[in-house]
């Protein structure tokens, strides 16, 4: 019985209670479709639950609980999210063969979040009740917030990024904290990295970062077979990350390029024609400045055949990168714009309630939203604040790294610093790869990493206080 009174079990039990209430007992809370669900449904064997539903009911204003079953692979969207959706779909069919209840998928994500919470607390409480309690409470307050968990009852890919980033960190920290790490945990670490990396094309660089950290695990054991496995898994992850980007569908790349140039570089540009010339593009495309790919009524339709030769085949994301390298002031302006939208965990323009609830379109569930509301309303949303926080985080990390001579401690610090690098990827990729459209949602991975860095900082302070009050001055 005592084992269930340990902090990790208490944290998991409290998390279970929160998720049960927020997602399954309280009035249904999900996230309304903004048009992204279709690509998941076409591949994952689902369809809209109401075929002739009005546009204003289907999109933006209301969430949906039930979806119709359909054939798999009516389209093809490459993402590890499809695996989770397909498994949930098959399980859902066992309970209700007429309609798919999205809460089955929500339960799936919930179990993964609970597993990550349990593992993070169990392997990082450092034999300190205070440290473990701060970690558990912080995880529950931050990542169980309705701003994060409402996504579970939807077909958005954001929950995959959330749960598998936390699981990657949990399995990685378990590896470095064990005297003799197991191959099973090593596999689970790389499987988590795989699901995180391949959930979205924008996450492709993340696999390379965590593969580089994974290489460090080779020194955890002396056996040749262990090191060989580490090298193979790390190498495979790098290859998968590269292939993930290269093999992206042409349509996706076209959309991202359009957004990056016309709703990124050319948005609010002081010299549209000059920017087009710098990119090697014809000046007549200036009529598309400040437009996005999904906008109607543009002077030139986004899929007009003339754009193939005038735009899509003449520019690439490397051209965008070189443009910003030559115009660093413009990049900083875009980063400041992104920072202004960086502290919103949830998309406030997408409703969370069902239409049957009687709530007005676009209404948001606000129960257990303390963290998301605090971030959105009170956290400084400036590039300076983010830069200063990163500077403080990495300064402390480097000091602790230099102070310690233990391999396990240094590896743990590298993992925690990698979270910050992933956050940088999550911040920069939307700017360089998808323009400024819907930035609040596209910065989701950055928010997860930033919040994890805040939790790490809080736990570090708690552990520092514990060590000093217990007479142990060194960490």
Protein backbone atom coordinates (compact mmCIF):
# COMPACT_ATOMS: atom_id res chain seq x y z
CA UNK A 1 0.00 0.00 0.00
CA UNK A 2 2.90 2.35 0.77
CA UNK A 3 4.06 2.32 -2.85
CA UNK A 4 0.81 4.02 -3.89
CA UNK A 5 1.46 6.81 -1.39
CA UNK A 6 4.68 7.77 -3.16
CA UNK A 7 4.80 11.13 -4.89
CA UNK A 8 4.76 9.68 -8.40
CA UNK A 9 1.59 7.69 -7.69
CA UNK A 10 -0.07 10.66 -5.99
CA UNK A 11 0.78 12.88 -8.96
CA UNK A 12 -0.59 10.33 -11.41
CA UNK A 13 -3.76 9.88 -9.33
CA UNK A 14 -4.32 13.63 -9.12
CA UNK A 15 -3.71 13.90 -12.86
CA UNK A 16 -6.20 11.13 -13.52
CA UNK A 17 -8.81 12.97 -11.49
CA UNK A 18 -8.18 16.22 -13.35
CA UNK A 19 -8.36 14.61 -16.78
CA UNK A 20 -11.44 12.58 -15.88
CA UNK A 21 -13.27 15.71 -14.81
CA UNK A 22 -12.07 18.08 -17.54
CA UNK A 23 -12.48 15.73 -20.50
CA UNK A 24 -15.12 13.18 -19.49
CA UNK A 25 -17.32 14.47 -16.64
CA UNK A 26 -17.63 18.23 -17.11
CA UNK A 27 -19.47 19.54 -20.20
CA UNK A 28 -17.60 18.34 -23.28
CA UNK A 29 -14.49 20.38 -24.06
CA UNK A 30 -12.52 19.99 -27.27
CA UNK A 31 -11.19 22.33 -29.96
CA UNK A 32 -13.13 23.38 -33.05
CA UNK A 33 -11.88 22.43 -36.50
CA UNK A 34 -10.15 25.18 -38.47
CA UNK A 35 -9.97 23.00 -41.59
CA UNK A 36 -7.02 20.86 -40.52
CA UNK A 37 -9.07 17.82 -39.50
CA UNK A 38 -9.82 16.70 -43.05
CA UNK A 39 -6.31 15.51 -43.92
CA UNK A 40 -6.27 13.40 -40.75
CA UNK A 41 -9.74 12.00 -41.38
CA UNK A 42 -9.01 11.09 -45.01
CA UNK A 43 -6.02 9.01 -43.95
CA UNK A 44 -7.29 7.76 -40.60
CA UNK A 45 -10.63 6.32 -41.69
CA UNK A 46 -12.96 9.00 -40.34
CA UNK A 47 -15.37 11.58 -41.73
CA UNK A 48 -17.55 14.40 -40.50
CA UNK A 49 -20.38 13.18 -38.31
CA UNK A 50 -23.01 15.40 -39.98
CA UNK A 51 -22.56 15.33 -43.79
CA UNK A 52 -24.67 18.40 -44.58
CA UNK A 53 -23.59 20.48 -41.59
CA UNK A 54 -23.51 24.26 -42.11
CA UNK A 55 -20.06 25.81 -42.52
CA UNK A 56 -20.45 28.02 -39.44
CA UNK A 57 -21.33 24.97 -37.33
CA UNK A 58 -18.56 22.75 -38.67
CA UNK A 59 -15.67 25.18 -38.46
CA UNK A 60 -14.24 27.55 -35.84
CA UNK A 61 -17.26 27.99 -33.57
CA UNK A 62 -17.97 24.58 -32.07
CA UNK A 63 -16.09 21.40 -31.13
CA UNK A 64 -17.35 17.98 -32.22
CA UNK A 65 -17.61 14.79 -30.21
CA UNK A 66 -18.75 12.27 -32.83
CA UNK A 67 -17.29 11.42 -36.24
CA UNK A 68 -18.41 8.96 -38.88
CA UNK A 69 -16.41 5.85 -39.78
CA UNK A 70 -15.03 5.66 -43.31
CA UNK A 71 -12.33 3.87 -45.28
CA UNK A 72 -8.67 4.31 -44.47
CA UNK A 73 -6.33 6.12 -46.89
CA UNK A 74 -8.85 8.04 -48.95
CA UNK A 75 -5.99 10.54 -48.89
CA UNK A 76 -2.46 10.38 -47.55
CA UNK A 77 -1.11 12.49 -44.71
CA UNK A 78 2.23 11.29 -43.38
CA UNK A 79 2.29 11.70 -39.62
CA UNK A 80 2.71 9.48 -36.57
CA UNK A 81 -0.54 11.06 -35.38
CA UNK A 82 -2.31 8.77 -37.86
CA UNK A 83 -1.11 5.72 -35.92
CA UNK A 84 -2.69 7.03 -32.73
CA UNK A 85 -5.89 8.03 -34.50
CA UNK A 86 -6.14 4.63 -36.22
CA UNK A 87 -5.65 2.73 -32.95
CA UNK A 88 -8.24 4.92 -31.21
CA UNK A 89 -10.60 4.45 -34.16
CA UNK A 90 -10.35 0.66 -33.91
CA UNK A 91 -10.88 0.76 -30.15
CA UNK A 92 -13.77 3.19 -30.54
CA UNK A 93 -15.46 0.85 -32.99
CA UNK A 94 -15.58 -1.82 -30.27
CA UNK A 95 -17.56 0.51 -28.00
CA UNK A 96 -19.71 2.21 -30.60
CA UNK A 97 -19.83 0.82 -34.12
CA UNK A 98 -22.09 3.58 -35.45
CA UNK A 99 -20.09 6.69 -34.57
CA UNK A 100 -16.55 7.39 -33.37
CA UNK A 101 -16.40 9.20 -30.04
CA UNK A 102 -13.38 11.52 -30.03
CA UNK A 103 -13.06 10.97 -26.29
CA UNK A 104 -11.53 7.57 -27.03
CA UNK A 105 -8.60 9.41 -28.60
CA UNK A 106 -8.66 11.83 -25.67
CA UNK A 107 -8.36 8.88 -23.27
CA UNK A 108 -5.40 7.58 -25.27
CA UNK A 109 -3.57 10.91 -24.98
CA UNK A 110 -4.51 11.09 -21.31
CA UNK A 111 -2.85 7.76 -20.56
CA UNK A 112 0.33 8.90 -22.29
CA UNK A 113 0.36 12.17 -20.34
CA UNK A 114 -0.19 10.29 -17.07
CA UNK A 115 2.67 7.91 -17.91
CA UNK A 116 4.99 10.84 -18.61
CA UNK A 117 3.98 12.54 -15.35
CA UNK A 118 4.56 9.37 -13.33
CA UNK A 119 8.00 8.76 -14.88
CA UNK A 120 9.16 12.37 -14.58
CA UNK A 121 8.28 12.53 -10.87
CA UNK A 122 9.55 9.02 -10.06
CA UNK A 123 12.99 9.49 -11.58
CA UNK A 124 13.62 13.16 -10.78
CA UNK A 125 12.59 13.75 -7.17
CA UNK A 126 16.21 13.28 -5.97
CA UNK A 127 15.23 11.73 -2.63
CA UNK A 128 13.63 15.01 -1.60
CA UNK A 129 9.97 15.35 -0.67
CA UNK A 130 10.04 19.08 -1.44
CA UNK A 131 11.70 18.66 -4.83
CA UNK A 132 9.34 15.86 -5.84
CA UNK A 133 6.28 17.77 -4.63
CA UNK A 134 7.28 20.91 -6.56
CA UNK A 135 7.85 18.86 -9.71
CA UNK A 136 4.56 16.98 -9.40
CA UNK A 137 2.49 20.08 -8.61
CA UNK A 138 4.13 22.06 -11.40
CA UNK A 139 3.45 19.34 -13.98
CA UNK A 140 -0.18 19.12 -12.84
CA UNK A 141 -0.70 22.88 -12.85
CA UNK A 142 0.93 23.50 -16.22
CA UNK A 143 0.41 20.55 -18.54
CA UNK A 144 -3.01 19.46 -17.29
CA UNK A 145 -4.37 22.96 -17.94
CA UNK A 146 -7.45 22.95 -20.18
CA UNK A 147 -5.47 25.02 -22.69
CA UNK A 148 -3.36 21.94 -23.32
CA UNK A 149 -5.77 19.11 -22.58
CA UNK A 150 -8.76 20.40 -24.59
CA UNK A 151 -6.66 19.50 -27.65
CA UNK A 152 -6.96 15.84 -26.59
CA UNK A 153 -10.60 15.79 -27.71
CA UNK A 154 -9.75 16.90 -31.23
CA UNK A 155 -7.98 15.77 -34.39
CA UNK A 156 -5.22 18.37 -34.12
CA UNK A 157 -1.65 17.09 -33.96
CA UNK A 158 -0.63 19.27 -31.01
CA UNK A 159 -1.25 16.58 -28.34
CA UNK A 160 1.29 14.33 -30.07
CA UNK A 161 3.95 17.01 -29.67
CA UNK A 162 3.02 17.53 -26.02
CA UNK A 163 2.90 13.95 -24.76
CA UNK A 164 5.87 12.65 -26.74
CA UNK A 165 8.13 15.57 -25.83
CA UNK A 166 7.38 14.82 -22.18
CA UNK A 167 7.89 11.08 -22.73
CA UNK A 168 11.17 11.71 -24.56
CA UNK A 169 12.38 13.72 -21.61
CA UNK A 170 11.05 11.14 -19.11
CA UNK A 171 12.74 8.16 -20.76
CA UNK A 172 15.95 10.12 -21.38
CA UNK A 173 16.19 11.18 -17.74
CA UNK A 174 15.43 7.65 -16.60
CA UNK A 175 18.31 6.34 -18.73
CA UNK A 176 20.84 8.74 -17.23
CA UNK A 177 19.56 8.26 -13.67
CA UNK A 178 19.83 4.46 -13.67
CA UNK A 179 23.03 2.66 -12.71
CA UNK A 180 22.54 0.17 -15.53
CA UNK A 181 20.13 1.56 -18.14
CA UNK A 182 18.07 -0.99 -20.03
CA UNK A 183 17.73 -1.48 -23.75
CA UNK A 184 13.94 -1.33 -23.37
CA UNK A 185 14.11 2.23 -22.01
CA UNK A 186 16.58 3.17 -24.76
CA UNK A 187 14.11 1.93 -27.38
CA UNK A 188 11.27 3.80 -25.68
CA UNK A 189 13.33 7.00 -25.75
CA UNK A 190 13.89 6.74 -29.50
CA UNK A 191 10.30 5.65 -30.18
CA UNK A 192 9.13 8.77 -28.34
CA UNK A 193 11.54 10.90 -30.40
CA UNK A 194 10.19 9.23 -33.56
CA UNK A 195 6.56 10.02 -32.72
CA UNK A 196 7.47 13.59 -31.79
CA UNK A 197 9.60 14.20 -34.89
CA UNK A 198 7.21 12.67 -37.39
CA UNK A 199 4.04 14.18 -35.98
CA UNK A 200 4.54 17.28 -38.16
CA UNK A 201 6.93 18.26 -40.93
CA UNK A 202 7.88 21.31 -38.85
CA UNK A 203 9.24 18.96 -36.16
CA UNK A 204 11.79 17.31 -38.48
CA UNK A 205 14.82 19.17 -36.98
CA UNK A 206 13.81 17.97 -33.50
CA UNK A 207 14.78 14.39 -34.34
CA UNK A 208 18.34 15.44 -35.17
CA UNK A 209 18.68 17.32 -31.87
CA UNK A 210 17.48 14.40 -29.75
CA UNK A 211 19.52 11.94 -31.84
CA UNK A 212 22.62 13.97 -30.96
CA UNK A 213 21.69 13.70 -27.28
CA UNK A 214 21.00 10.01 -27.78
CA UNK A 215 24.55 9.48 -28.99
CA UNK A 216 25.73 10.48 -25.51
CA UNK A 217 23.96 7.44 -24.10
CA UNK A 218 26.65 5.26 -25.67
CA UNK A 219 28.88 6.00 -22.67
CA UNK A 220 26.32 4.73 -20.16
CA UNK A 221 27.47 1.14 -20.69
CA UNK A 222 30.75 -0.39 -21.81
CA UNK A 223 29.34 -3.30 -23.85
CA UNK A 224 29.93 -3.10 -27.58
CA UNK A 225 26.37 -4.30 -28.28
CA UNK A 226 24.95 -1.39 -26.25
CA UNK A 227 27.05 1.21 -28.06
CA UNK A 228 26.26 -0.31 -31.42
CA UNK A 229 22.52 -0.12 -30.66
CA UNK A 230 22.86 3.53 -29.59
CA UNK A 231 24.72 4.42 -32.79
CA UNK A 232 22.22 2.61 -34.99
CA UNK A 233 19.19 4.18 -33.34
CA UNK A 234 20.73 7.67 -33.39
CA UNK A 235 21.75 7.33 -37.02
CA UNK A 236 18.34 6.01 -38.00
CA UNK A 237 16.68 8.97 -36.29
CA UNK A 238 18.82 11.44 -38.24
CA UNK A 239 17.97 9.69 -41.53
CA UNK A 240 14.26 9.64 -40.69
CA UNK A 241 14.32 13.35 -39.83
CA UNK A 242 15.95 14.23 -43.15
CA UNK A 243 13.61 11.98 -45.14
CA UNK A 244 10.63 13.44 -43.26
CA UNK A 245 11.45 16.86 -44.70
CA UNK A 246 12.60 15.80 -48.17
CA UNK A 247 9.61 13.52 -48.76
CA UNK A 248 7.05 16.13 -47.70
CA UNK A 249 4.21 16.31 -50.25
CA UNK A 250 4.66 18.97 -52.90
CA UNK A 251 1.32 20.53 -52.00
CA UNK A 252 2.45 21.07 -48.39
CA UNK A 253 5.71 22.65 -49.51
CA UNK A 254 3.83 24.96 -51.89
CA UNK A 255 1.48 26.09 -49.14
CA UNK A 256 4.34 26.70 -46.72
CA UNK A 257 6.35 28.61 -49.34
CA UNK A 258 3.39 30.83 -50.17
CA UNK A 259 2.80 31.58 -46.50
CA UNK A 260 6.50 32.17 -45.79
CA UNK A 261 6.96 34.68 -48.62
CA UNK A 262 3.65 36.49 -49.06
CA UNK A 263 2.43 36.33 -45.45
CA UNK A 264 5.91 36.38 -43.98
CA UNK A 265 8.65 38.32 -45.75
CA UNK A 266 6.24 40.57 -47.68
CA UNK A 267 3.81 41.13 -44.82
CA UNK A 268 4.14 44.78 -43.77
CA UNK A 269 7.28 45.03 -45.93
CA UNK A 270 8.69 48.55 -46.39
CA UNK A 271 9.84 47.64 -49.92
CA UNK A 272 7.79 44.84 -51.50
CA UNK A 273 9.34 45.14 -54.95
CA UNK A 274 12.83 45.25 -53.49
CA UNK A 275 12.15 42.09 -51.49
CA UNK A 276 10.80 40.30 -54.54
CA UNK A 277 13.93 41.27 -56.48
CA UNK A 278 16.14 40.00 -53.64
CA UNK A 279 14.30 36.67 -53.81
CA UNK A 280 14.62 36.53 -57.61
CA UNK A 281 10.87 36.86 -58.14
CA UNK A 282 8.97 39.03 -60.68
CA UNK A 283 7.58 42.34 -59.44
CA UNK A 284 4.03 41.64 -60.62
CA UNK A 285 3.70 39.25 -57.66
CA UNK A 286 3.57 42.30 -55.40
CA UNK A 287 -0.24 42.14 -55.62
CA UNK A 288 -0.06 39.02 -53.40
CA UNK A 289 1.81 40.71 -50.55
CA UNK A 290 0.01 40.32 -47.19
CA UNK A 291 -2.18 37.49 -48.50
CA UNK A 292 -2.25 33.90 -47.23
CA UNK A 293 -2.70 30.68 -49.15
CA UNK A 294 -6.25 30.06 -47.94
CA UNK A 295 -7.53 33.55 -48.63
CA UNK A 296 -10.16 34.02 -51.31
CA UNK A 297 -10.36 36.88 -53.79
CA UNK A 298 -6.62 37.35 -54.30
CA UNK A 299 -5.47 39.11 -57.47
CA UNK A 300 -3.82 35.85 -58.58
CA UNK A 301 -5.31 32.58 -57.34
CA UNK A 302 -2.92 30.60 -55.18
CA UNK A 303 -3.15 27.58 -57.49
CA UNK A 304 -3.02 29.58 -60.73
CA UNK A 305 -0.79 27.71 -63.24
CA UNK A 306 1.24 30.87 -63.84
CA UNK A 307 2.48 30.77 -60.24
CA UNK A 308 4.23 27.47 -60.88
CA UNK A 309 6.84 29.12 -63.10
CA UNK A 310 6.71 32.57 -61.54
CA UNK A 311 6.91 31.48 -57.92
CA UNK A 312 6.77 27.87 -56.71
CA UNK A 313 9.59 26.63 -58.95
CA UNK A 314 11.76 29.74 -58.46
CA UNK A 315 12.05 30.00 -54.70
CA UNK A 316 12.80 27.64 -51.83
CA UNK A 317 13.09 27.78 -48.05
CA UNK A 318 16.86 28.11 -48.43
CA UNK A 319 16.24 31.34 -50.37
CA UNK A 320 14.09 32.54 -47.48
CA UNK A 321 16.85 31.68 -45.00
CA UNK A 322 19.48 33.54 -47.04
CA UNK A 323 17.14 36.54 -47.35
CA UNK A 324 16.85 36.81 -43.59
CA UNK A 325 20.61 36.30 -43.12
CA UNK A 326 21.17 39.26 -45.45
CA UNK A 327 18.44 41.28 -43.70
CA UNK A 328 18.82 40.43 -39.98
CA UNK A 329 16.75 43.44 -38.94
CA UNK A 330 13.77 42.04 -40.82
CA UNK A 331 14.22 38.67 -39.11
CA UNK A 332 14.28 40.33 -35.70
CA UNK A 333 11.06 42.17 -36.60
CA UNK A 334 9.40 38.85 -37.44
CA UNK A 335 10.75 37.30 -34.24
CA UNK A 336 9.30 40.17 -32.25
CA UNK A 337 5.97 39.64 -33.99
CA UNK A 338 6.15 35.94 -33.11
CA UNK A 339 7.07 36.76 -29.51
CA UNK A 340 3.95 38.91 -29.26
CA UNK A 341 1.92 35.79 -30.03
CA UNK A 342 4.07 33.31 -28.11
CA UNK A 343 2.37 33.15 -24.73
CA UNK A 344 -0.99 31.77 -25.87
CA UNK A 345 -1.19 28.03 -25.31
CA UNK A 346 -4.61 27.67 -26.86
CA UNK A 347 -6.16 29.17 -30.03
CA UNK A 348 -8.63 31.67 -28.61
CA UNK A 349 -10.50 31.92 -31.92
CA UNK A 350 -11.57 28.24 -31.84
CA UNK A 351 -14.54 27.28 -29.69
CA UNK A 352 -14.34 24.39 -27.24
CA UNK A 353 -18.00 23.54 -26.59
CA UNK A 354 -20.50 21.47 -28.57
CA UNK A 355 -23.27 23.33 -30.36
CA UNK A 356 -25.76 21.36 -28.26
CA UNK A 357 -24.36 23.00 -25.11
CA UNK A 358 -26.24 26.19 -25.96
CA UNK A 359 -23.07 28.26 -25.59
CA UNK A 360 -22.42 31.00 -28.17
CA UNK A 361 -20.14 30.08 -31.05
CA UNK A 362 -16.48 30.45 -30.10
CA UNK A 363 -17.06 30.05 -26.36
CA UNK A 364 -14.11 28.66 -24.41
CA UNK A 365 -14.02 26.25 -21.49
CA UNK A 366 -12.23 28.11 -18.69
CA UNK A 367 -12.25 25.48 -15.95
CA UNK A 368 -8.72 24.75 -14.72
CA UNK A 369 -7.15 27.38 -16.96
CA UNK A 370 -5.02 29.14 -14.37
CA UNK A 371 -1.71 28.62 -16.16
CA UNK A 372 -2.90 29.31 -19.70
CA UNK A 373 -4.73 32.46 -18.57
CA UNK A 374 -1.77 33.67 -16.54
CA UNK A 375 0.56 33.22 -19.51
CA UNK A 376 -1.80 34.89 -21.93
CA UNK A 377 -2.64 37.86 -19.72
CA UNK A 378 0.41 38.46 -17.53
CA UNK A 379 3.52 36.78 -18.95
CA UNK A 380 5.67 39.31 -20.88
CA UNK A 381 5.21 38.55 -24.57
CA UNK A 382 8.33 40.21 -25.89
CA UNK A 383 11.45 38.95 -27.61
CA UNK A 384 13.56 40.60 -24.90
CA UNK A 385 11.83 38.62 -22.15
CA UNK A 386 12.27 35.33 -24.02
CA UNK A 387 15.94 36.12 -24.72
CA UNK A 388 16.62 37.02 -21.07
CA UNK A 389 14.88 33.88 -19.82
CA UNK A 390 16.91 31.73 -22.22
CA UNK A 391 20.10 33.49 -21.14
CA UNK A 392 19.37 32.82 -17.45
CA UNK A 393 18.37 29.21 -18.12
CA UNK A 394 21.49 28.38 -20.11
CA UNK A 395 23.79 30.32 -17.78
CA UNK A 396 22.63 28.24 -14.81
CA UNK A 397 22.81 25.07 -16.88
CA UNK A 398 26.39 25.76 -17.98
CA UNK A 399 27.47 26.60 -14.43
CA UNK A 400 25.99 23.36 -13.10
CA UNK A 401 27.53 21.43 -15.99
CA UNK A 402 31.01 22.78 -15.21
CA UNK A 403 30.60 22.24 -11.46
CA UNK A 404 29.71 18.59 -11.80
CA UNK A 405 32.14 15.82 -12.66
CA UNK A 406 29.47 13.11 -12.74
CA UNK A 407 28.63 11.78 -16.19
CA UNK A 408 24.97 11.18 -15.28
CA UNK A 409 24.51 14.73 -14.01
CA UNK A 410 26.11 16.21 -17.11
CA UNK A 411 23.92 14.10 -19.38
CA UNK A 412 20.85 15.18 -17.45
CA UNK A 413 21.82 18.82 -17.93
CA UNK A 414 22.37 18.23 -21.66
CA UNK A 415 18.87 16.76 -21.95
CA UNK A 416 17.31 19.70 -20.15
CA UNK A 417 19.25 22.14 -22.31
CA UNK A 418 18.11 20.25 -25.41
CA UNK A 419 14.53 21.13 -24.44
CA UNK A 420 15.48 24.78 -24.86
CA UNK A 421 16.96 24.08 -28.28
CA UNK A 422 13.79 22.30 -29.33
CA UNK A 423 11.90 25.37 -28.15
CA UNK A 424 14.09 27.53 -30.39
CA UNK A 425 13.24 25.25 -33.30
CA UNK A 426 9.57 25.55 -32.42
CA UNK A 427 9.93 29.34 -32.38
CA UNK A 428 11.94 29.82 -35.58
CA UNK A 429 10.48 27.17 -37.92
CA UNK A 430 7.02 28.83 -38.17
CA UNK A 431 8.71 32.11 -39.17
CA UNK A 432 11.08 30.54 -41.70
CA UNK A 433 8.78 27.80 -42.90
CA UNK A 434 5.18 29.02 -42.67
CA UNK A 435 5.12 32.78 -42.38
CA UNK A 436 3.10 34.62 -39.74
CA UNK A 437 -0.27 32.95 -40.29
CA UNK A 438 -1.93 31.47 -37.18
CA UNK A 439 1.27 31.94 -35.18
CA UNK A 440 -0.40 31.35 -31.82
CA UNK A 441 -1.17 27.77 -32.83
CA UNK A 442 2.06 27.16 -34.73
CA UNK A 443 4.09 28.13 -31.66
CA UNK A 444 2.58 25.27 -29.65
CA UNK A 445 5.84 23.28 -29.46
CA UNK A 446 7.67 26.41 -28.32
CA UNK A 447 5.09 26.82 -25.55
CA UNK A 448 5.53 23.23 -24.38
CA UNK A 449 9.32 23.64 -24.24
CA UNK A 450 9.15 27.07 -22.62
CA UNK A 451 6.78 25.76 -19.96
CA UNK A 452 9.03 22.76 -19.34
CA UNK A 453 11.97 25.13 -18.89
CA UNK A 454 9.97 27.08 -16.31
CA UNK A 455 9.21 23.85 -14.44
CA UNK A 456 12.88 22.82 -14.57
CA UNK A 457 13.82 26.23 -13.17
CA UNK A 458 11.28 25.93 -10.34
CA UNK A 459 12.49 22.42 -9.45
CA UNK A 460 16.12 23.57 -9.56
CA UNK A 461 15.33 26.38 -7.12
CA UNK A 462 13.45 23.98 -4.82
CA UNK A 463 16.32 21.50 -4.93
CA UNK A 464 18.83 24.29 -4.29
CA UNK A 465 16.89 25.40 -1.20
CA UNK A 466 16.64 21.81 -0.01
CA UNK A 467 20.38 21.23 -0.39
CA UNK A 468 21.28 24.40 1.50
CA UNK A 469 18.76 23.87 4.30
CA UNK A 470 19.96 20.29 4.72
CA UNK A 471 23.57 21.44 5.00
CA UNK A 472 24.68 20.29 1.52
CA UNK A 473 25.92 23.35 -0.30
CA UNK A 474 26.69 21.69 -3.63
CA UNK A 475 24.12 20.36 -6.09
